[in-house]
Amino acid sequence: MAVNVIFAVYGALRDGNSDKTEAADVTRALQKALDNTVGEVVQINNANMGGDPASGVVKHFGAIVDVNGRRRAFACQEGQTIDFT
């Protein structure tokens, strides 16, 4: 299956304040996780996303991914698993 990450972000808005955005571009980290995983199923966590961009805060994840030529959006909370197929 061809899965190509267009863009992915992982992080949080500390205290709900948009002035304190703590997020990271995890496009490469997600592509690496997908390339090294059988079945395109990835748990979204600090280890797989290359670190903790917002320590002490529950993080969220969002991505635009090309799956077999079709663009799809994915989102979840830290610790959840996504099947990118």
Protein backbone atom coordinates (compact mmCIF):
# COMPACT_ATOMS: atom_id res chain seq x y z
CA MET A 1 0.00 0.00 0.00
CA ALA A 2 1.30 3.44 -0.86
CA VAL A 3 1.06 5.85 2.07
CA ASN A 4 2.73 9.27 1.72
CA VAL A 5 2.56 11.87 4.49
CA ILE A 6 1.82 15.35 3.13
CA PHE A 7 1.87 17.12 6.52
CA ALA A 8 1.57 16.14 10.19
CA VAL A 9 1.60 18.12 13.43
CA TYR A 10 1.72 17.01 17.08
CA GLY A 11 1.35 19.19 20.16
CA ALA A 12 -0.98 21.28 22.28
CA LEU A 13 -2.24 24.71 23.23
CA ARG A 14 -1.05 25.05 26.82
CA ASP A 15 -3.93 26.22 29.04
CA GLY A 16 -6.05 26.72 25.93
CA ASN A 17 -4.18 29.93 25.15
CA SER A 18 -3.25 30.30 21.49
CA ASP A 19 -0.25 32.47 22.49
CA LYS A 20 1.40 29.39 24.00
CA THR A 21 1.32 26.99 21.07
CA GLU A 22 3.71 24.13 21.60
CA ALA A 23 3.54 21.94 18.54
CA ALA A 24 5.98 20.26 16.20
CA ASP A 25 5.99 19.43 12.52
CA VAL A 26 6.15 15.62 12.65
CA THR A 27 5.79 14.94 8.93
CA ARG A 28 9.11 13.08 8.70
CA ALA A 29 8.60 11.22 11.98
CA LEU A 30 5.19 9.95 10.84
CA GLN A 31 6.52 8.87 7.43
CA LYS A 32 9.36 7.00 9.15
CA ALA A 33 6.91 5.28 11.53
CA LEU A 34 4.70 4.27 8.59
CA ASP A 35 7.66 3.01 6.55
CA ASN A 36 8.84 0.86 9.47
CA THR A 37 5.42 -0.54 10.40
CA VAL A 38 3.66 -3.51 8.87
CA GLY A 39 0.04 -2.63 8.14
CA GLU A 40 0.30 1.17 8.39
CA VAL A 41 -0.97 1.20 12.00
CA VAL A 42 0.85 3.72 14.22
CA GLN A 43 0.41 4.66 17.87
CA ILE A 44 0.65 8.42 18.25
CA ASN A 45 2.95 9.11 21.18
CA ASN A 46 6.12 11.00 22.12
CA ALA A 47 8.36 8.08 21.11
CA ASN A 48 6.93 7.71 17.60
CA MET A 49 6.59 11.46 16.99
CA GLY A 50 10.18 12.30 17.86
CA GLY A 51 9.78 13.81 21.31
CA ASP A 52 7.49 15.81 23.57
CA PRO A 53 6.72 19.29 22.19
CA ALA A 54 4.49 20.23 25.15
CA SER A 55 5.67 18.60 28.35
CA GLY A 56 2.99 18.00 30.95
CA VAL A 57 0.12 18.69 28.55
CA VAL A 58 -2.09 16.19 26.70
CA LYS A 59 -1.17 16.46 23.03
CA HIS A 60 -3.20 16.14 19.85
CA PHE A 61 -2.23 15.02 16.38
CA GLY A 62 -3.40 15.91 12.90
CA ALA A 63 -2.19 14.83 9.47
CA ILE A 64 -2.94 14.98 5.76
CA VAL A 65 -1.89 11.71 4.18
CA ASP A 66 -2.02 10.43 0.61
CA VAL A 67 -3.33 6.85 0.73
CA ASN A 68 -3.14 5.15 -2.67
CA GLY A 69 -3.54 8.48 -4.47
CA ARG A 70 -6.37 9.75 -2.28
CA ARG A 71 -5.80 12.54 0.26
CA ARG A 72 -7.24 11.84 3.70
CA ALA A 73 -7.22 13.71 6.99
CA PHE A 74 -6.47 11.97 10.28
CA ALA A 75 -6.60 13.25 13.86
CA CYS A 76 -6.41 11.85 17.38
CA GLN A 77 -5.24 12.44 20.91
CA GLU A 78 -1.87 11.39 22.30
CA GLY A 79 -1.73 7.65 23.05
CA GLN A 80 -4.32 6.67 20.46
CA THR A 81 -3.63 4.43 17.48
CA ILE A 82 -4.45 5.23 13.85
CA ASP A 83 -4.85 2.79 10.97
CA PHE A 84 -3.72 4.81 7.96
CA THR A 85 -5.17 2.35 5.44
